[in-house]
Amino acid sequence: GGVVLRPEYLAHVHARAAARGLPLHLDGARIFNAAVALGADIRALTQHVDSVQFCLSKGLAAPVGSILAGPQPFIERARRIRKMLGGGMRQAGIIAAAGIVALTEMVGRLADDHANARMLAEGLAALPGVQLDLARVQSNIVLFAMPHADAAQSLIAGLRERGVLLIGMGGPLVRAVTHYGISADDIGVALAAAQKVIA
């Protein structure tokens, strides 16, 4: 739900895993969002894990791609398994180029996504029937609840008709995610639409 794990927590989990002889893998799909939210270098989040996977498209705006990092024997084994499962790609240089741009150009702008998520969360929290814990809005994900499942579905459908996309998370829960294609002006439009749908 967008809540950021702190390096101290990862260090604690790593120590417990290591005490049992277990490697620790981090699914870091949005790890750069976490680093930006904490004002930390990415190494602060990866130093306590044995391997990490992160996505180049979520938040970083590459069209496709993920990176898996870890010790050389682990990566060699992962490559063998990928090939056995038919996951290899040929002539992937153009995709790699987009990944390089994602890592060098897009990380710094993630703070804009976080600011837009905060603006959206504060606006939604002021609407009748919306239950939202602002302390949990730490990155680019806004998770909130409506009074019941029907109200959530009504909001999602009403906003979709107005060009605003949300996703239902089951029952009364609704999720919104901000990204590079959404501006502060777009947040204003979304909030105005939500006000009309809820009214």
C-alpha atoms as a PDB file:
ATOM      1  CA  GLY A   1       0.000   0.000   0.000  1.00  0.00           C
ATOM      2  CA  GLY A   2       2.907   2.420  -0.443  1.00  0.00           C
ATOM      3  CA  VAL A   3       4.239   2.213   3.110  1.00  0.00           C
ATOM      4  CA  VAL A   4       8.037   2.330   3.050  1.00  0.00           C
ATOM      5  CA  LEU A   5      10.175  -0.300   4.790  1.00  0.00           C
ATOM      6  CA  ARG A   6      13.036   1.281   6.701  1.00  0.00           C
ATOM      7  CA  PRO A   7      16.658   0.056   6.484  1.00  0.00           C
ATOM      8  CA  GLU A   8      16.563  -0.859  10.195  1.00  0.00           C
ATOM      9  CA  TYR A   9      13.680  -3.240   9.533  1.00  0.00           C
ATOM     10  CA  LEU A  10      15.537  -4.852   6.623  1.00  0.00           C
ATOM     11  CA  ALA A  11      18.646  -5.239   8.810  1.00  0.00           C
ATOM     12  CA  HIS A  12      16.527  -6.967  11.486  1.00  0.00           C
ATOM     13  CA  VAL A  13      14.938  -9.360   8.978  1.00  0.00           C
ATOM     14  CA  HIS A  14      18.338 -10.081   7.399  1.00  0.00           C
ATOM     15  CA  ALA A  15      19.863 -10.915  10.789  1.00  0.00           C
ATOM     16  CA  ARG A  16      17.013 -13.338  11.547  1.00  0.00           C
ATOM     17  CA  ALA A  17      17.300 -14.972   8.121  1.00  0.00           C
ATOM     18  CA  ALA A  18      21.101 -15.237   8.350  1.00  0.00           C
ATOM     19  CA  ALA A  19      20.835 -16.834  11.811  1.00  0.00           C
ATOM     20  CA  ARG A  20      18.836 -19.609  10.155  1.00  0.00           C
ATOM     21  CA  GLY A  21      21.124 -19.886   7.130  1.00  0.00           C
ATOM     22  CA  LEU A  22      18.541 -18.379   4.792  1.00  0.00           C
ATOM     23  CA  PRO A  23      19.292 -15.853   2.061  1.00  0.00           C
ATOM     24  CA  LEU A  24      17.094 -12.761   1.967  1.00  0.00           C
ATOM     25  CA  HIS A  25      15.616 -11.586  -1.345  1.00  0.00           C
ATOM     26  CA  LEU A  26      14.005  -8.167  -1.714  1.00  0.00           C
ATOM     27  CA  ASP A  27      11.171  -7.712  -4.191  1.00  0.00           C
ATOM     28  CA  GLY A  28      12.076  -4.111  -4.834  1.00  0.00           C
ATOM     29  CA  ALA A  29       9.459  -3.318  -7.477  1.00  0.00           C
ATOM     30  CA  ARG A  30       9.242   0.236  -6.118  1.00  0.00           C
ATOM     31  CA  ILE A  31      12.547   0.406  -4.255  1.00  0.00           C
ATOM     32  CA  PHE A  32      13.499   3.740  -5.806  1.00  0.00           C
ATOM     33  CA  ASN A  33      10.232   5.213  -4.524  1.00  0.00           C
ATOM     34  CA  ALA A  34      11.211   3.972  -1.066  1.00  0.00           C
ATOM     35  CA  ALA A  35      14.695   5.494  -1.301  1.00  0.00           C
ATOM     36  CA  VAL A  36      13.288   8.859  -2.406  1.00  0.00           C
ATOM     37  CA  ALA A  37      10.637   8.797   0.336  1.00  0.00           C
ATOM     38  CA  LEU A  38      13.327   8.130   2.956  1.00  0.00           C
ATOM     39  CA  GLY A  39      15.797  10.591   1.444  1.00  0.00           C
ATOM     40  CA  ALA A  40      18.247   7.694   1.400  1.00  0.00           C
ATOM     41  CA  ASP A  41      20.730   6.263  -1.053  1.00  0.00           C
ATOM     42  CA  ILE A  42      19.464   3.066  -2.674  1.00  0.00           C
ATOM     43  CA  ARG A  43      22.347   1.175  -1.031  1.00  0.00           C
ATOM     44  CA  ALA A  44      20.806   1.837   2.383  1.00  0.00           C
ATOM     45  CA  LEU A  45      17.922  -0.412   1.325  1.00  0.00           C
ATOM     46  CA  THR A  46      19.903  -3.080  -0.508  1.00  0.00           C
ATOM     47  CA  GLN A  47      22.870  -3.580   1.839  1.00  0.00           C
ATOM     48  CA  HIS A  48      20.862  -5.899   4.094  1.00  0.00           C
ATOM     49  CA  VAL A  49      19.679  -8.304   1.400  1.00  0.00           C
ATOM     50  CA  ASP A  50      21.380 -11.055  -0.573  1.00  0.00           C
ATOM     51  CA  SER A  51      19.525 -10.362  -3.801  1.00  0.00           C
ATOM     52  CA  VAL A  52      17.126  -7.764  -5.136  1.00  0.00           C
ATOM     53  CA  GLN A  53      14.835  -7.391  -8.126  1.00  0.00           C
ATOM     54  CA  PHE A  54      13.548  -3.997  -9.159  1.00  0.00           C
ATOM     55  CA  CYS A  55      11.277  -2.776 -11.881  1.00  0.00           C
ATOM     56  CA  LEU A  56      12.295  -0.206 -14.484  1.00  0.00           C
ATOM     57  CA  SER A  57       8.727   0.533 -15.542  1.00  0.00           C
ATOM     58  CA  LYS A  58       6.949   1.154 -12.220  1.00  0.00           C
ATOM     59  CA  GLY A  59       7.629   4.786 -11.499  1.00  0.00           C
ATOM     60  CA  LEU A  60      10.791   4.926 -13.599  1.00  0.00           C
ATOM     61  CA  ALA A  61       8.834   5.067 -16.872  1.00  0.00           C
ATOM     62  CA  ALA A  62      10.750   2.511 -18.929  1.00  0.00           C
ATOM     63  CA  PRO A  63       8.414   0.664 -21.287  1.00  0.00           C
ATOM     64  CA  VAL A  64       9.466  -2.712 -19.911  1.00  0.00           C
ATOM     65  CA  GLY A  65      12.156  -4.383 -17.855  1.00  0.00           C
ATOM     66  CA  SER A  66      13.413  -5.428 -14.470  1.00  0.00           C
ATOM     67  CA  ILE A  67      16.864  -5.961 -13.039  1.00  0.00           C
ATOM     68  CA  LEU A  68      17.909  -8.833 -10.819  1.00  0.00           C
ATOM     69  CA  ALA A  69      21.057  -8.266  -8.751  1.00  0.00           C
ATOM     70  CA  GLY A  70      22.908 -10.557  -6.392  1.00  0.00           C
ATOM     71  CA  PRO A  71      26.043 -12.678  -6.003  1.00  0.00           C
ATOM     72  CA  GLN A  72      27.528 -14.064  -9.223  1.00  0.00           C
ATOM     73  CA  PRO A  73      26.575 -17.739  -8.583  1.00  0.00           C
ATOM     74  CA  PHE A  74      22.978 -16.660  -7.900  1.00  0.00           C
ATOM     75  CA  ILE A  75      22.825 -14.622 -11.130  1.00  0.00           C
ATOM     76  CA  GLU A  76      24.385 -17.463 -13.167  1.00  0.00           C
ATOM     77  CA  ARG A  77      21.750 -19.862 -11.812  1.00  0.00           C
ATOM     78  CA  ALA A  78      18.979 -17.351 -12.528  1.00  0.00           C
ATOM     79  CA  ARG A  79      20.225 -16.976 -16.117  1.00  0.00           C
ATOM     80  CA  ARG A  80      20.212 -20.762 -16.612  1.00  0.00           C
ATOM     81  CA  ILE A  81      16.683 -21.039 -15.235  1.00  0.00           C
ATOM     82  CA  ARG A  82      15.498 -18.096 -17.342  1.00  0.00           C
ATOM     83  CA  LYS A  83      16.866 -19.767 -20.468  1.00  0.00           C
ATOM     84  CA  MET A  84      15.290 -23.123 -19.555  1.00  0.00           C
ATOM     85  CA  LEU A  85      11.930 -21.379 -19.203  1.00  0.00           C
ATOM     86  CA  GLY A  86      12.277 -19.542 -22.519  1.00  0.00           C
ATOM     87  CA  GLY A  87      12.752 -16.119 -20.989  1.00  0.00           C
ATOM     88  CA  GLY A  88      15.690 -14.957 -23.094  1.00  0.00           C
ATOM     89  CA  MET A  89      15.478 -11.993 -25.458  1.00  0.00           C
ATOM     90  CA  ARG A  90      17.449 -11.150 -28.584  1.00  0.00           C
ATOM     91  CA  GLN A  91      18.378  -7.656 -29.741  1.00  0.00           C
ATOM     92  CA  ALA A  92      17.276  -6.180 -26.438  1.00  0.00           C
ATOM     93  CA  GLY A  93      19.575  -3.155 -26.715  1.00  0.00           C
ATOM     94  CA  ILE A  94      16.755  -0.709 -27.355  1.00  0.00           C
ATOM     95  CA  ILE A  95      15.045  -1.908 -24.185  1.00  0.00           C
ATOM     96  CA  ALA A  96      18.331  -1.620 -22.296  1.00  0.00           C
ATOM     97  CA  ALA A  97      18.684   1.970 -23.532  1.00  0.00           C
ATOM     98  CA  ALA A  98      15.278   2.826 -22.057  1.00  0.00           C
ATOM     99  CA  GLY A  99      16.372   1.185 -18.808  1.00  0.00           C
ATOM    100  CA  ILE A 100      19.494   3.343 -18.672  1.00  0.00           C
ATOM    101  CA  VAL A 101      17.378   6.468 -19.148  1.00  0.00           C
ATOM    102  CA  ALA A 102      15.037   5.245 -16.398  1.00  0.00           C
ATOM    103  CA  LEU A 103      17.925   4.885 -13.946  1.00  0.00           C
ATOM    104  CA  THR A 104      19.744   8.087 -14.865  1.00  0.00           C
ATOM    105  CA  GLU A 105      16.862  10.482 -15.573  1.00  0.00           C
ATOM    106  CA  MET A 106      13.733   9.315 -13.791  1.00  0.00           C
ATOM    107  CA  VAL A 107      14.723   8.557 -10.194  1.00  0.00           C
ATOM    108  CA  GLY A 108      15.084  12.225  -9.269  1.00  0.00           C
ATOM    109  CA  ARG A 109      11.546  13.055 -10.356  1.00  0.00           C
ATOM    110  CA  LEU A 110       9.865  10.405  -8.162  1.00  0.00           C
ATOM    111  CA  ALA A 111       9.457  13.076  -5.462  1.00  0.00           C
ATOM    112  CA  ASP A 112       6.929  14.743  -7.790  1.00  0.00           C
ATOM    113  CA  ASP A 113       4.862  11.549  -7.807  1.00  0.00           C
ATOM    114  CA  HIS A 114       4.995  11.463  -4.014  1.00  0.00           C
ATOM    115  CA  ALA A 115       3.894  15.095  -3.751  1.00  0.00           C
ATOM    116  CA  ASN A 116       1.014  14.409  -6.139  1.00  0.00           C
ATOM    117  CA  ALA A 117      -0.022  11.359  -4.109  1.00  0.00           C
ATOM    118  CA  ARG A 118       0.013  13.463  -0.945  1.00  0.00           C
ATOM    119  CA  MET A 119      -2.114  16.146  -2.637  1.00  0.00           C
ATOM    120  CA  LEU A 120      -4.565  13.484  -3.823  1.00  0.00           C
ATOM    121  CA  ALA A 121      -4.707  11.851  -0.394  1.00  0.00           C
ATOM    122  CA  GLU A 122      -5.351  15.121   1.420  1.00  0.00           C
ATOM    123  CA  GLY A 123      -8.102  16.019  -1.033  1.00  0.00           C
ATOM    124  CA  LEU A 124      -9.743  12.604  -0.819  1.00  0.00           C
ATOM    125  CA  ALA A 125      -9.550  12.576   2.991  1.00  0.00           C
ATOM    126  CA  ALA A 126     -11.653  15.760   3.048  1.00  0.00           C
ATOM    127  CA  LEU A 127     -14.503  14.124   1.104  1.00  0.00           C
ATOM    128  CA  PRO A 128     -17.485  12.610   2.942  1.00  0.00           C
ATOM    129  CA  GLY A 129     -17.295   8.857   3.439  1.00  0.00           C
ATOM    130  CA  VAL A 130     -13.618   8.510   2.531  1.00  0.00           C
ATOM    131  CA  GLN A 131     -11.528   6.776   5.193  1.00  0.00           C
ATOM    132  CA  LEU A 132      -7.850   7.451   4.651  1.00  0.00           C
ATOM    133  CA  ASP A 133      -4.851   7.317   6.994  1.00  0.00           C
ATOM    134  CA  LEU A 134      -2.556  10.111   5.781  1.00  0.00           C
ATOM    135  CA  ALA A 135       0.365   8.679   7.774  1.00  0.00           C
ATOM    136  CA  ARG A 136       0.361   5.681   5.419  1.00  0.00           C
ATOM    137  CA  VAL A 137       0.762   7.821   2.287  1.00  0.00           C
ATOM    138  CA  GLN A 138       4.543   7.695   2.061  1.00  0.00           C
ATOM    139  CA  SER A 139       5.209   7.282  -1.642  1.00  0.00           C
ATOM    140  CA  ASN A 140       3.110   7.296  -4.806  1.00  0.00           C
ATOM    141  CA  ILE A 141       0.338   4.955  -3.641  1.00  0.00           C
ATOM    142  CA  VAL A 142      -2.879   6.126  -1.994  1.00  0.00           C
ATOM    143  CA  LEU A 143      -4.991   3.425  -0.355  1.00  0.00           C
ATOM    144  CA  PHE A 144      -8.357   4.369   1.096  1.00  0.00           C
ATOM    145  CA  ALA A 145     -11.731   2.916   1.999  1.00  0.00           C
ATOM    146  CA  MET A 146     -15.270   3.870   1.198  1.00  0.00           C
ATOM    147  CA  PRO A 147     -18.141   3.074   3.616  1.00  0.00           C
ATOM    148  CA  HIS A 148     -18.923  -0.209   1.803  1.00  0.00           C
ATOM    149  CA  ALA A 149     -18.071  -2.198  -1.344  1.00  0.00           C
ATOM    150  CA  ASP A 150     -20.921  -0.724  -3.401  1.00  0.00           C
ATOM    151  CA  ALA A 151     -19.728   2.818  -2.635  1.00  0.00           C
ATOM    152  CA  ALA A 152     -16.205   1.842  -3.713  1.00  0.00           C
ATOM    153  CA  GLN A 153     -17.447   0.383  -6.996  1.00  0.00           C
ATOM    154  CA  SER A 154     -19.671   3.405  -7.603  1.00  0.00           C
ATOM    155  CA  LEU A 155     -16.710   5.755  -7.090  1.00  0.00           C
ATOM    156  CA  ILE A 156     -14.455   3.698  -9.369  1.00  0.00           C
ATOM    157  CA  ALA A 157     -17.096   3.559 -12.126  1.00  0.00           C
ATOM    158  CA  GLY A 158     -18.012   7.237 -11.804  1.00  0.00           C
ATOM    159  CA  LEU A 159     -14.403   8.341 -11.993  1.00  0.00           C
ATOM    160  CA  ARG A 160     -13.677   6.023 -14.925  1.00  0.00           C
ATOM    161  CA  GLU A 161     -16.457   7.802 -16.851  1.00  0.00           C
ATOM    162  CA  ARG A 162     -14.584  11.041 -16.153  1.00  0.00           C
ATOM    163  CA  GLY A 163     -11.196   9.697 -17.249  1.00  0.00           C
ATOM    164  CA  VAL A 164      -9.796   8.971 -13.776  1.00  0.00           C
ATOM    165  CA  LEU A 165      -8.670   5.396 -13.181  1.00  0.00           C
ATOM    166  CA  LEU A 166      -8.626   3.754  -9.752  1.00  0.00           C
ATOM    167  CA  ILE A 167      -8.525   0.084  -8.843  1.00  0.00           C
ATOM    168  CA  GLY A 168     -10.686  -1.779  -6.367  1.00  0.00           C
ATOM    169  CA  MET A 169      -8.747  -3.801  -3.823  1.00  0.00           C
ATOM    170  CA  GLY A 170     -11.683  -5.865  -2.622  1.00  0.00           C
ATOM    171  CA  GLY A 171     -14.624  -4.777  -0.527  1.00  0.00           C
ATOM    172  CA  PRO A 172     -14.516  -1.077   0.314  1.00  0.00           C
ATOM    173  CA  LEU A 173     -10.779  -0.622  -0.435  1.00  0.00           C
ATOM    174  CA  VAL A 174      -9.639   1.524  -3.349  1.00  0.00           C
ATOM    175  CA  ARG A 175      -6.122   2.236  -4.629  1.00  0.00           C
ATOM    176  CA  ALA A 176      -4.743   5.142  -6.633  1.00  0.00           C
ATOM    177  CA  VAL A 177      -1.194   5.379  -7.964  1.00  0.00           C
ATOM    178  CA  THR A 178       0.529   8.510  -9.249  1.00  0.00           C
ATOM    179  CA  HIS A 179       3.241   8.349 -11.913  1.00  0.00           C
ATOM    180  CA  TYR A 180       5.250  10.436 -14.365  1.00  0.00           C
ATOM    181  CA  GLY A 181       2.230  10.950 -16.630  1.00  0.00           C
ATOM    182  CA  ILE A 182       0.160  12.629 -13.910  1.00  0.00           C
ATOM    183  CA  SER A 183       0.650  16.306 -13.056  1.00  0.00           C
ATOM    184  CA  ALA A 184      -0.507  18.395 -10.100  1.00  0.00           C
ATOM    185  CA  ASP A 185      -3.180  19.841 -12.410  1.00  0.00           C
ATOM    186  CA  ASP A 186      -4.384  16.298 -13.126  1.00  0.00           C
ATOM    187  CA  ILE A 187      -4.725  15.727  -9.380  1.00  0.00           C
ATOM    188  CA  GLY A 188      -6.963  18.797  -9.189  1.00  0.00           C
ATOM    189  CA  VAL A 189      -9.113  17.427 -12.011  1.00  0.00           C
ATOM    190  CA  ALA A 190      -9.328  14.025 -10.291  1.00  0.00           C
ATOM    191  CA  LEU A 191     -10.359  15.584  -6.977  1.00  0.00           C
ATOM    192  CA  ALA A 192     -13.020  17.742  -8.628  1.00  0.00           C
ATOM    193  CA  ALA A 193     -14.378  14.632 -10.357  1.00  0.00           C
ATOM    194  CA  ALA A 194     -14.351  12.657  -7.092  1.00  0.00           C
ATOM    195  CA  GLN A 195     -16.252  15.441  -5.367  1.00  0.00           C
ATOM    196  CA  LYS A 196     -18.957  15.283  -8.060  1.00  0.00           C
ATOM    197  CA  VAL A 197     -19.210  11.486  -7.925  1.00  0.00           C
ATOM    198  CA  ILE A 198     -19.397  11.344  -4.120  1.00  0.00           C
ATOM    199  CA  ALA A 199     -21.807  14.303  -3.754  1.00  0.00           C
END
